[in-house]
Amino acid sequence: MSEQPLRHTIADWIMGAALRGAGMAQLVEGTANRLLAAGVPLARAHVSFRTLHPSFESVSLVWHRGQGVSEHEFVHGASSATEWLQSTFAFMIDQRIGLLRRPLTGESALLDFPILHDLLAQGFTDYFAMIV
């Protein structure tokens, strides 16, 4: 890998791949694989975005190490569902927080959202979320 910071190397790859017509799933998978190759202990990545689709309000792409990317579409109005309202992202949007990190194990563990309990049960040790 070049001597430029990892974020620039990956950002350059994302921009180049997007300009060559890569789909969102390819961008998510390629980014996750590059983070893994750089030594980031990534087990799961989740990217969501709003759409202008008449039926779907948003789309989520979830990458799991060794399994690839799965895509989930959410119909308009689903954002009022309990699962969404109890999510880290709803909290971050409501509180205008751009970054959220939660250790899932050890003395500093903080499991204040349902998803964190689920991830801990799956063997995850740390949670990081960012809204861009």
Protein backbone atom coordinates (compact mmCIF):
# COMPACT_ATOMS: atom_id res chain seq x y z
CA MET A 1 0.00 0.00 0.00
CA SER A 2 1.23 3.52 -0.68
CA GLU A 3 2.55 5.84 1.98
CA GLN A 4 -0.50 8.09 1.95
CA PRO A 5 -2.92 7.63 4.85
CA LEU A 6 -5.29 4.68 4.62
CA ARG A 7 -8.34 6.96 4.41
CA HIS A 8 -6.96 8.67 1.29
CA THR A 9 -6.01 5.37 -0.34
CA ILE A 10 -9.49 3.94 0.23
CA ALA A 11 -11.26 7.19 -0.68
CA ASP A 12 -9.30 7.32 -3.95
CA TRP A 13 -10.32 3.73 -4.70
CA ILE A 14 -14.00 4.47 -3.92
CA MET A 15 -14.04 7.51 -6.20
CA GLY A 16 -12.29 5.67 -9.02
CA ALA A 17 -14.56 2.60 -8.74
CA ALA A 18 -17.69 4.79 -8.61
CA LEU A 19 -16.57 6.74 -11.68
CA ARG A 20 -16.08 3.41 -13.50
CA GLY A 21 -19.70 2.52 -12.70
CA ALA A 22 -19.36 0.17 -9.70
CA GLY A 23 -22.63 -0.43 -7.90
CA MET A 24 -23.17 0.32 -4.23
CA ALA A 25 -22.74 -3.33 -3.21
CA GLN A 26 -19.38 -3.44 -5.03
CA LEU A 27 -18.29 -0.23 -3.31
CA VAL A 28 -19.24 -1.53 0.14
CA GLU A 29 -17.58 -4.90 -0.41
CA GLY A 30 -14.45 -3.40 -1.95
CA THR A 31 -14.09 -0.89 0.86
CA ALA A 32 -14.55 -3.54 3.56
CA ASN A 33 -12.03 -5.85 1.89
CA ARG A 34 -9.48 -3.04 1.64
CA LEU A 35 -9.93 -2.23 5.33
CA LEU A 36 -9.39 -5.91 6.16
CA ALA A 37 -6.27 -6.04 3.98
CA ALA A 38 -4.93 -2.98 5.81
CA GLY A 39 -5.31 -4.76 9.15
CA VAL A 40 -8.57 -3.24 10.38
CA PRO A 41 -10.38 -6.03 12.31
CA LEU A 42 -13.69 -5.46 10.55
CA ALA A 43 -16.41 -8.08 10.90
CA ARG A 44 -19.48 -6.16 9.70
CA ALA A 45 -20.22 -2.96 7.78
CA HIS A 46 -23.61 -1.33 7.30
CA VAL A 47 -24.29 1.48 4.82
CA SER A 48 -27.74 3.06 4.52
CA PHE A 49 -29.02 5.84 2.33
CA ARG A 50 -32.31 7.48 1.42
CA THR A 51 -33.72 7.07 -2.06
CA LEU A 52 -36.06 8.95 -4.35
CA HIS A 53 -37.85 5.73 -5.20
CA PRO A 54 -41.68 5.85 -5.07
CA SER A 55 -41.92 2.65 -3.01
CA PHE A 56 -38.71 2.61 -0.98
CA GLU A 57 -37.61 5.25 1.49
CA SER A 58 -34.14 3.87 2.09
CA VAL A 59 -31.74 1.09 1.22
CA SER A 60 -29.27 -0.65 3.52
CA LEU A 61 -26.29 -2.69 2.45
CA VAL A 62 -24.81 -4.98 5.09
CA TRP A 63 -21.44 -6.66 4.60
CA HIS A 64 -20.33 -9.56 6.79
CA ARG A 65 -16.78 -10.86 6.62
CA GLY A 66 -16.77 -14.08 4.64
CA GLN A 67 -20.38 -13.65 3.48
CA GLY A 68 -20.39 -10.61 1.21
CA VAL A 69 -23.10 -7.96 0.94
CA SER A 70 -26.84 -8.26 1.42
CA GLU A 71 -29.25 -5.51 0.39
CA HIS A 72 -32.40 -4.48 2.27
CA GLU A 73 -35.01 -2.01 1.01
CA PHE A 74 -37.30 -0.20 3.43
CA VAL A 75 -40.73 1.00 2.37
CA HIS A 76 -41.89 4.53 3.08
CA GLY A 77 -43.06 4.94 6.66
CA ALA A 78 -40.87 2.17 8.08
CA SER A 79 -38.80 4.77 9.95
CA SER A 80 -41.52 4.96 12.59
CA ALA A 81 -41.05 1.29 13.44
CA THR A 82 -39.88 0.51 16.97
CA GLU A 83 -36.68 -1.10 15.70
CA TRP A 84 -35.70 2.13 13.94
CA LEU A 85 -36.65 4.34 16.87
CA GLN A 86 -34.44 2.25 19.20
CA SER A 87 -31.50 2.24 16.77
CA THR A 88 -28.17 3.94 17.16
CA PHE A 89 -28.77 5.83 13.93
CA ALA A 90 -32.12 7.28 15.03
CA PHE A 91 -30.40 8.41 18.24
CA MET A 92 -27.49 9.92 16.34
CA ILE A 93 -29.76 11.80 13.95
CA ASP A 94 -31.99 13.04 16.79
CA GLN A 95 -29.03 14.18 18.91
CA ARG A 96 -27.01 15.46 15.91
CA ILE A 97 -24.09 13.17 16.74
CA GLY A 98 -21.79 12.29 13.84
CA LEU A 99 -19.81 9.50 15.52
CA LEU A 100 -20.78 6.87 18.07
CA ARG A 101 -18.53 4.20 19.57
CA ARG A 102 -19.48 1.57 22.08
CA PRO A 103 -17.14 -1.04 23.56
CA LEU A 104 -19.19 -4.23 23.88
CA THR A 105 -16.91 -6.06 26.32
CA GLY A 106 -14.79 -5.26 29.37
CA GLU A 107 -15.24 -2.75 32.16
CA SER A 108 -16.12 0.08 29.77
CA ALA A 109 -18.81 -1.90 27.93
CA LEU A 110 -21.91 0.16 27.17
CA LEU A 111 -24.90 -1.72 25.76
CA ASP A 112 -27.51 1.03 25.61
CA PHE A 113 -29.17 0.00 22.32
CA PRO A 114 -30.80 -3.34 21.40
CA ILE A 115 -28.48 -3.90 18.41
CA LEU A 116 -25.49 -3.85 20.74
CA HIS A 117 -26.85 -6.81 22.71
CA ASP A 118 -27.40 -8.67 19.45
CA LEU A 119 -23.86 -7.94 18.24
CA LEU A 120 -22.34 -9.00 21.56
CA ALA A 121 -24.24 -12.30 21.37
CA GLN A 122 -22.71 -12.80 17.91
CA GLY A 123 -19.20 -12.33 19.31
CA PHE A 124 -18.56 -8.71 18.37
CA THR A 125 -16.36 -6.72 20.76
CA ASP A 126 -16.70 -3.13 19.55
CA TYR A 127 -19.25 -0.96 17.73
CA PHE A 128 -18.54 2.17 15.71
CA ALA A 129 -21.09 4.19 13.73
CA MET A 130 -20.68 7.32 11.64
CA ILE A 131 -23.16 9.49 9.82
CA VAL A 132 -21.89 11.26 6.72
